[in-house]
Amino acid sequence: RPGQSFLLQLVGRRATLRPFPKFEPDCR
């Protein structure tokens, strides 16, 4: 998915991956 970043949220048994407002080429 070039040019798009995602915010990962995992809490207990629940996980979501949703688009991040701006593109950041590195991952953290």
PDB file of all heavy atoms in Angstrom:
ATOM      1  N   ARG A   1       0.844  -1.203   0.000  1.00  0.00           N
ATOM      2  CA  ARG A   1       0.000   0.000   0.000  1.00  0.00           C
ATOM      3  C   ARG A   1       0.877   1.250   0.000  1.00  0.00           C
ATOM      4  O   ARG A   1       1.002   1.950   1.004  1.00  0.00           O
ATOM      5  CB  ARG A   1      -0.928  -0.002   1.228  1.00  0.00           C
ATOM      6  CG  ARG A   1      -1.899  -1.163   1.288  1.00  0.00           C
ATOM      7  CD  ARG A   1      -2.945  -1.074   0.184  1.00  0.00           C
ATOM      8  NE  ARG A   1      -3.767   0.100   0.308  1.00  0.00           N
ATOM      9  CZ  ARG A   1      -4.888   0.151   1.016  1.00  0.00           C
ATOM     10  NH1 ARG A   1      -5.301  -0.919   1.683  1.00  0.00           N
ATOM     11  NH2 ARG A   1      -5.586   1.260   1.076  1.00  0.00           N
ATOM     12  N   PRO A   2       1.554   1.540  -1.106  1.00  0.00           N
ATOM     13  CA  PRO A   2       2.472   2.688  -1.163  1.00  0.00           C
ATOM     14  C   PRO A   2       1.762   4.014  -0.880  1.00  0.00           C
ATOM     15  O   PRO A   2       0.624   4.217  -1.313  1.00  0.00           O
ATOM     16  CB  PRO A   2       3.025   2.634  -2.593  1.00  0.00           C
ATOM     17  CG  PRO A   2       2.030   1.837  -3.361  1.00  0.00           C
ATOM     18  CD  PRO A   2       1.453   0.846  -2.403  1.00  0.00           C
ATOM     19  N   GLY A   3       2.445   4.867  -0.113  1.00  0.00           N
ATOM     20  CA  GLY A   3       1.914   6.190   0.173  1.00  0.00           C
ATOM     21  C   GLY A   3       0.862   6.237   1.255  1.00  0.00           C
ATOM     22  O   GLY A   3       0.246   7.276   1.483  1.00  0.00           O
ATOM     23  N   GLN A   4       0.629   5.128   1.963  1.00  0.00           N
ATOM     24  CA  GLN A   4      -0.402   5.072   3.013  1.00  0.00           C
ATOM     25  C   GLN A   4       0.183   4.446   4.272  1.00  0.00           C
ATOM     26  O   GLN A   4       0.873   3.429   4.200  1.00  0.00           O
ATOM     27  CB  GLN A   4      -1.599   4.244   2.538  1.00  0.00           C
ATOM     28  CG  GLN A   4      -2.660   4.012   3.612  1.00  0.00           C
ATOM     29  CD  GLN A   4      -3.410   5.274   3.973  1.00  0.00           C
ATOM     30  OE1 GLN A   4      -4.153   5.809   3.161  1.00  0.00           O
ATOM     31  NE2 GLN A   4      -3.217   5.761   5.187  1.00  0.00           N
ATOM     32  N   SER A   5      -0.072   5.058   5.416  1.00  0.00           N
ATOM     33  CA  SER A   5       0.329   4.493   6.706  1.00  0.00           C
ATOM     34  C   SER A   5      -0.907   4.077   7.480  1.00  0.00           C
ATOM     35  O   SER A   5      -2.021   4.566   7.231  1.00  0.00           O
ATOM     36  CB  SER A   5       1.138   5.516   7.522  1.00  0.00           C
ATOM     37  OG  SER A   5       2.370   5.792   6.909  1.00  0.00           O
ATOM     38  N   PHE A   6      -0.722   3.164   8.451  1.00  0.00           N
ATOM     39  CA  PHE A   6      -1.830   2.633   9.225  1.00  0.00           C
ATOM     40  C   PHE A   6      -1.500   2.678  10.714  1.00  0.00           C
ATOM     41  O   PHE A   6      -0.339   2.532  11.110  1.00  0.00           O
ATOM     42  CB  PHE A   6      -2.128   1.193   8.812  1.00  0.00           C
ATOM     43  CG  PHE A   6      -2.611   1.066   7.396  1.00  0.00           C
ATOM     44  CD1 PHE A   6      -1.699   0.972   6.350  1.00  0.00           C
ATOM     45  CD2 PHE A   6      -3.962   1.065   7.112  1.00  0.00           C
ATOM     46  CE1 PHE A   6      -2.129   0.875   5.042  1.00  0.00           C
ATOM     47  CE2 PHE A   6      -4.404   0.969   5.795  1.00  0.00           C
ATOM     48  CZ  PHE A   6      -3.492   0.874   4.766  1.00  0.00           C
ATOM     49  N   LEU A   7      -2.547   2.882  11.516  1.00  0.00           N
ATOM     50  CA  LEU A   7      -2.405   2.870  12.971  1.00  0.00           C
ATOM     51  C   LEU A   7      -2.900   1.521  13.492  1.00  0.00           C
ATOM     52  O   LEU A   7      -4.064   1.170  13.295  1.00  0.00           O
ATOM     53  CB  LEU A   7      -3.216   4.004  13.596  1.00  0.00           C
ATOM     54  CG  LEU A   7      -3.202   4.086  15.132  1.00  0.00           C
ATOM     55  CD1 LEU A   7      -1.806   4.424  15.635  1.00  0.00           C
ATOM     56  CD2 LEU A   7      -4.218   5.124  15.622  1.00  0.00           C
ATOM     57  N   LEU A   8      -2.001   0.783  14.122  1.00  0.00           N
ATOM     58  CA  LEU A   8      -2.357  -0.497  14.723  1.00  0.00           C
ATOM     59  C   LEU A   8      -2.733  -0.279  16.183  1.00  0.00           C
ATOM     60  O   LEU A   8      -2.017   0.391  16.924  1.00  0.00           O
ATOM     61  CB  LEU A   8      -1.182  -1.472  14.649  1.00  0.00           C
ATOM     62  CG  LEU A   8      -1.375  -2.774  15.456  1.00  0.00           C
ATOM     63  CD1 LEU A   8      -2.395  -3.684  14.784  1.00  0.00           C
ATOM     64  CD2 LEU A   8      -0.049  -3.497  15.658  1.00  0.00           C
ATOM     65  N   GLN A   9      -3.876  -0.852  16.577  1.00  0.00           N
ATOM     66  CA  GLN A   9      -4.303  -0.829  17.974  1.00  0.00           C
ATOM     67  C   GLN A   9      -4.673  -2.253  18.366  1.00  0.00           C
ATOM     68  O   GLN A   9      -5.540  -2.863  17.750  1.00  0.00           O
ATOM     69  CB  GLN A   9      -5.551   0.047  18.150  1.00  0.00           C
ATOM     70  CG  GLN A   9      -5.421   1.464  17.656  1.00  0.00           C
ATOM     71  CD  GLN A   9      -4.806   2.373  18.697  1.00  0.00           C
ATOM     72  OE1 GLN A   9      -4.571   1.966  19.829  1.00  0.00           O
ATOM     73  NE2 GLN A   9      -4.538   3.605  18.319  1.00  0.00           N
ATOM     74  N   LEU A  10      -3.989  -2.787  19.380  1.00  0.00           N
ATOM     75  CA  LEU A  10      -4.353  -4.096  19.912  1.00  0.00           C
ATOM     76  C   LEU A  10      -4.572  -3.928  21.410  1.00  0.00           C
ATOM     77  O   LEU A  10      -3.683  -3.454  22.126  1.00  0.00           O
ATOM     78  CB  LEU A  10      -3.253  -5.129  19.647  1.00  0.00           C
ATOM     79  CG  LEU A  10      -3.558  -6.581  20.035  1.00  0.00           C
ATOM     80  CD1 LEU A  10      -2.804  -7.549  19.138  1.00  0.00           C
ATOM     81  CD2 LEU A  10      -3.195  -6.864  21.495  1.00  0.00           C
ATOM     82  N   VAL A  11      -5.759  -4.262  21.875  1.00  0.00           N
ATOM     83  CA  VAL A  11      -6.112  -4.146  23.285  1.00  0.00           C
ATOM     84  C   VAL A  11      -6.751  -5.449  23.712  1.00  0.00           C
ATOM     85  O   VAL A  11      -7.838  -5.800  23.243  1.00  0.00           O
ATOM     86  CB  VAL A  11      -7.102  -2.989  23.537  1.00  0.00           C
ATOM     87  CG1 VAL A  11      -7.376  -2.845  25.028  1.00  0.00           C
ATOM     88  CG2 VAL A  11      -6.585  -1.696  22.967  1.00  0.00           C
ATOM     89  N   GLY A  12      -6.066  -6.195  24.589  1.00  0.00           N
ATOM     90  CA  GLY A  12      -6.607  -7.486  24.997  1.00  0.00           C
ATOM     91  C   GLY A  12      -6.802  -8.383  23.797  1.00  0.00           C
ATOM     92  O   GLY A  12      -5.867  -8.687  23.063  1.00  0.00           O
ATOM     93  N   ARG A  13      -8.049  -8.771  23.551  1.00  0.00           N
ATOM     94  CA  ARG A  13      -8.345  -9.668  22.431  1.00  0.00           C
ATOM     95  C   ARG A  13      -8.757  -8.931  21.170  1.00  0.00           C
ATOM     96  O   ARG A  13      -9.044  -9.550  20.150  1.00  0.00           O
ATOM     97  CB  ARG A  13      -9.481 -10.618  22.847  1.00  0.00           C
ATOM     98  CG  ARG A  13      -9.183 -11.480  24.053  1.00  0.00           C
ATOM     99  CD  ARG A  13     -10.472 -12.020  24.664  1.00  0.00           C
ATOM    100  NE  ARG A  13     -11.299 -10.936  25.175  1.00  0.00           N
ATOM    101  CZ  ARG A  13     -12.555 -11.075  25.586  1.00  0.00           C
ATOM    102  NH1 ARG A  13     -13.129 -12.244  25.507  1.00  0.00           N
ATOM    103  NH2 ARG A  13     -13.235 -10.051  26.056  1.00  0.00           N
ATOM    104  N   ARG A  14      -8.821  -7.613  21.210  1.00  0.00           N
ATOM    105  CA  ARG A  14      -9.363  -6.822  20.112  1.00  0.00           C
ATOM    106  C   ARG A  14      -8.251  -6.079  19.382  1.00  0.00           C
ATOM    107  O   ARG A  14      -7.417  -5.422  19.987  1.00  0.00           O
ATOM    108  CB  ARG A  14     -10.379  -5.829  20.684  1.00  0.00           C
ATOM    109  CG  ARG A  14     -11.066  -4.941  19.708  1.00  0.00           C
ATOM    110  CD  ARG A  14     -12.261  -4.250  20.385  1.00  0.00           C
ATOM    111  NE  ARG A  14     -11.925  -3.735  21.681  1.00  0.00           N
ATOM    112  CZ  ARG A  14     -11.359  -2.550  21.889  1.00  0.00           C
ATOM    113  NH1 ARG A  14     -11.063  -1.774  20.860  1.00  0.00           N
ATOM    114  NH2 ARG A  14     -11.100  -2.120  23.103  1.00  0.00           N
ATOM    115  N   ALA A  15      -8.262  -6.160  18.055  1.00  0.00           N
ATOM    116  CA  ALA A  15      -7.223  -5.493  17.260  1.00  0.00           C
ATOM    117  C   ALA A  15      -7.861  -4.768  16.081  1.00  0.00           C
ATOM    118  O   ALA A  15      -8.811  -5.272  15.469  1.00  0.00           O
ATOM    119  CB  ALA A  15      -6.192  -6.493  16.756  1.00  0.00           C
ATOM    120  N   THR A  16      -7.342  -3.579  15.776  1.00  0.00           N
ATOM    121  CA  THR A  16      -7.811  -2.817  14.619  1.00  0.00           C
ATOM    122  C   THR A  16      -6.603  -2.262  13.872  1.00  0.00           C
ATOM    123  O   THR A  16      -5.555  -1.990  14.461  1.00  0.00           O
ATOM    124  CB  THR A  16      -8.721  -1.641  15.036  1.00  0.00           C
ATOM    125  OG1 THR A  16      -7.995  -0.761  15.904  1.00  0.00           O
ATOM    126  CG2 THR A  16      -9.974  -2.133  15.734  1.00  0.00           C
ATOM    127  N   LEU A  17      -6.777  -2.090  12.576  1.00  0.00           N
ATOM    128  CA  LEU A  17      -5.763  -1.481  11.717  1.00  0.00           C
ATOM    129  C   LEU A  17      -6.505  -0.483  10.843  1.00  0.00           C
ATOM    130  O   LEU A  17      -7.290  -0.872   9.986  1.00  0.00           O
ATOM    131  CB  LEU A  17      -5.059  -2.546  10.872  1.00  0.00           C
ATOM    132  CG  LEU A  17      -3.782  -2.132  10.141  1.00  0.00           C
ATOM    133  CD1 LEU A  17      -2.681  -1.801  11.143  1.00  0.00           C
ATOM    134  CD2 LEU A  17      -3.323  -3.235   9.202  1.00  0.00           C
ATOM    135  N   ARG A  18      -6.279   0.802  11.102  1.00  0.00           N
ATOM    136  CA  ARG A  18      -7.040   1.825  10.386  1.00  0.00           C
ATOM    137  C   ARG A  18      -6.088   2.830   9.759  1.00  0.00           C
ATOM    138  O   ARG A  18      -4.965   3.025  10.234  1.00  0.00           O
ATOM    139  CB  ARG A  18      -8.029   2.521  11.321  1.00  0.00           C
ATOM    140  CG  ARG A  18      -7.394   3.182  12.503  1.00  0.00           C
ATOM    141  CD  ARG A  18      -8.420   3.602  13.541  1.00  0.00           C
ATOM    142  NE  ARG A  18      -9.346   4.609  13.049  1.00  0.00           N
ATOM    143  CZ  ARG A  18     -10.316   5.135  13.792  1.00  0.00           C
ATOM    144  NH1 ARG A  18     -10.501   4.712  15.029  1.00  0.00           N
ATOM    145  NH2 ARG A  18     -11.109   6.056  13.304  1.00  0.00           N
ATOM    146  N   PRO A  19      -6.498   3.499   8.680  1.00  0.00           N
ATOM    147  CA  PRO A  19      -5.618   4.464   8.009  1.00  0.00           C
ATOM    148  C   PRO A  19      -5.145   5.560   8.958  1.00  0.00           C
ATOM    149  O   PRO A  19      -5.914   6.066   9.774  1.00  0.00           O
ATOM    150  CB  PRO A  19      -6.508   5.026   6.896  1.00  0.00           C
ATOM    151  CG  PRO A  19      -7.504   3.959   6.635  1.00  0.00           C
ATOM    152  CD  PRO A  19      -7.781   3.327   7.968  1.00  0.00           C
ATOM    153  N   PHE A  20      -3.881   5.919   8.859  1.00  0.00           N
ATOM    154  CA  PHE A  20      -3.298   7.003   9.637  1.00  0.00           C
ATOM    155  C   PHE A  20      -3.429   8.284   8.811  1.00  0.00           C
ATOM    156  O   PHE A  20      -3.342   8.247   7.581  1.00  0.00           O
ATOM    157  CB  PHE A  20      -1.821   6.697   9.926  1.00  0.00           C
ATOM    158  CG  PHE A  20      -1.204   7.599  10.956  1.00  0.00           C
ATOM    159  CD1 PHE A  20      -1.640   7.571  12.276  1.00  0.00           C
ATOM    160  CD2 PHE A  20      -0.196   8.480  10.608  1.00  0.00           C
ATOM    161  CE1 PHE A  20      -1.079   8.403  13.232  1.00  0.00           C
ATOM    162  CE2 PHE A  20       0.378   9.317  11.559  1.00  0.00           C
ATOM    163  CZ  PHE A  20      -0.069   9.280  12.871  1.00  0.00           C
ATOM    164  N   PRO A  21      -3.674   9.448   9.463  1.00  0.00           N
ATOM    165  CA  PRO A  21      -3.959  10.675   8.703  1.00  0.00           C
ATOM    166  C   PRO A  21      -2.896  11.084   7.704  1.00  0.00           C
ATOM    167  O   PRO A  21      -3.213  11.708   6.694  1.00  0.00           O
ATOM    168  CB  PRO A  21      -4.093  11.728   9.819  1.00  0.00           C
ATOM    169  CG  PRO A  21      -4.507  10.953  11.024  1.00  0.00           C
ATOM    170  CD  PRO A  21      -3.830   9.627  10.911  1.00  0.00           C
ATOM    171  N   LYS A  22      -1.632  10.764   7.959  1.00  0.00           N
ATOM    172  CA  LYS A  22      -0.606  11.148   7.000  1.00  0.00           C
ATOM    173  C   LYS A  22       0.377   9.996   6.788  1.00  0.00           C
ATOM    174  O   LYS A  22       0.508   9.112   7.638  1.00  0.00           O
ATOM    175  CB  LYS A  22       0.141  12.402   7.459  1.00  0.00           C
ATOM    176  CG  LYS A  22       0.965  12.217   8.715  1.00  0.00           C
ATOM    177  CD  LYS A  22       1.744  13.492   9.016  1.00  0.00           C
ATOM    178  CE  LYS A  22       2.651  13.318  10.226  1.00  0.00           C
ATOM    179  NZ  LYS A  22       3.486  14.511  10.456  1.00  0.00           N
ATOM    180  N   PHE A  23       1.049  10.042   5.659  1.00  0.00           N
ATOM    181  CA  PHE A  23       1.984   8.971   5.328  1.00  0.00           C
ATOM    182  C   PHE A  23       3.307   9.163   6.071  1.00  0.00           C
ATOM    183  O   PHE A  23       3.878  10.250   6.076  1.00  0.00           O
ATOM    184  CB  PHE A  23       2.247   8.940   3.824  1.00  0.00           C
ATOM    185  CG  PHE A  23       3.319   7.983   3.415  1.00  0.00           C
ATOM    186  CD1 PHE A  23       3.172   6.615   3.649  1.00  0.00           C
ATOM    187  CD2 PHE A  23       4.481   8.429   2.814  1.00  0.00           C
ATOM    188  CE1 PHE A  23       4.163   5.721   3.279  1.00  0.00           C
ATOM    189  CE2 PHE A  23       5.483   7.539   2.429  1.00  0.00           C
ATOM    190  CZ  PHE A  23       5.322   6.181   2.675  1.00  0.00           C
ATOM    191  N   GLU A  24       3.759   8.106   6.710  1.00  0.00           N
ATOM    192  CA  GLU A  24       5.064   8.099   7.364  1.00  0.00           C
ATOM    193  C   GLU A  24       5.804   6.859   6.875  1.00  0.00           C
ATOM    194  O   GLU A  24       5.373   5.736   7.144  1.00  0.00           O
ATOM    195  CB  GLU A  24       4.917   8.084   8.879  1.00  0.00           C
ATOM    196  CG  GLU A  24       4.208   9.329   9.406  1.00  0.00           C
ATOM    197  CD  GLU A  24       4.399   9.528  10.898  1.00  0.00           C
ATOM    198  OE1 GLU A  24       5.163   8.757  11.502  1.00  0.00           O
ATOM    199  OE2 GLU A  24       3.775  10.454  11.442  1.00  0.00           O
ATOM    200  N   PRO A  25       6.891   7.025   6.156  1.00  0.00           N
ATOM    201  CA  PRO A  25       7.547   5.874   5.530  1.00  0.00           C
ATOM    202  C   PRO A  25       8.156   4.885   6.515  1.00  0.00           C
ATOM    203  O   PRO A  25       8.273   3.705   6.217  1.00  0.00           O
ATOM    204  CB  PRO A  25       8.634   6.521   4.667  1.00  0.00           C
ATOM    205  CG  PRO A  25       8.871   7.859   5.291  1.00  0.00           C
ATOM    206  CD  PRO A  25       7.546   8.295   5.835  1.00  0.00           C
ATOM    207  N   ASP A  26       8.523   5.346   7.711  1.00  0.00           N
ATOM    208  CA  ASP A  26       9.079   4.424   8.701  1.00  0.00           C
ATOM    209  C   ASP A  26       7.952   3.778   9.504  1.00  0.00           C
ATOM    210  O   ASP A  26       6.819   4.255   9.491  1.00  0.00           O
ATOM    211  CB  ASP A  26      10.055   5.147   9.633  1.00  0.00           C
ATOM    212  CG  ASP A  26       9.379   6.285  10.382  1.00  0.00           C
ATOM    213  OD1 ASP A  26       8.492   6.935   9.799  1.00  0.00           O
ATOM    214  OD2 ASP A  26       9.721   6.515  11.563  1.00  0.00           O
ATOM    215  N   CYS A  27       8.273   2.701  10.196  1.00  0.00           N
ATOM    216  CA  CYS A  27       7.301   1.980  11.020  1.00  0.00           C
ATOM    217  C   CYS A  27       7.767   1.991  12.472  1.00  0.00           C
ATOM    218  O   CYS A  27       8.952   1.858  12.744  1.00  0.00           O
ATOM    219  CB  CYS A  27       7.166   0.525  10.551  1.00  0.00           C
ATOM    220  SG  CYS A  27       6.664   0.343   8.829  1.00  0.00           S
ATOM    221  N   ARG A  28       6.827   2.145  13.402  1.00  0.00           N
ATOM    222  CA  ARG A  28       7.152   2.160  14.826  1.00  0.00           C
ATOM    223  C   ARG A  28       6.096   1.375  15.578  1.00  0.00           C
ATOM    224  O   ARG A  28       4.896   1.512  15.303  1.00  0.00           O
ATOM    225  CB  ARG A  28       7.216   3.588  15.357  1.00  0.00           C
ATOM    226  CG  ARG A  28       8.199   4.470  14.616  1.00  0.00           C
ATOM    227  CD  ARG A  28       8.364   5.828  15.289  1.00  0.00           C
ATOM    228  NE  ARG A  28       7.118   6.576  15.388  1.00  0.00           N
ATOM    229  CZ  ARG A  28       6.600   7.271  14.387  1.00  0.00           C
ATOM    230  NH1 ARG A  28       7.193   7.257  13.208  1.00  0.00           N
ATOM    231  NH2 ARG A  28       5.498   7.959  14.552  1.00  0.00           N
TER     232      ARG A  28
END
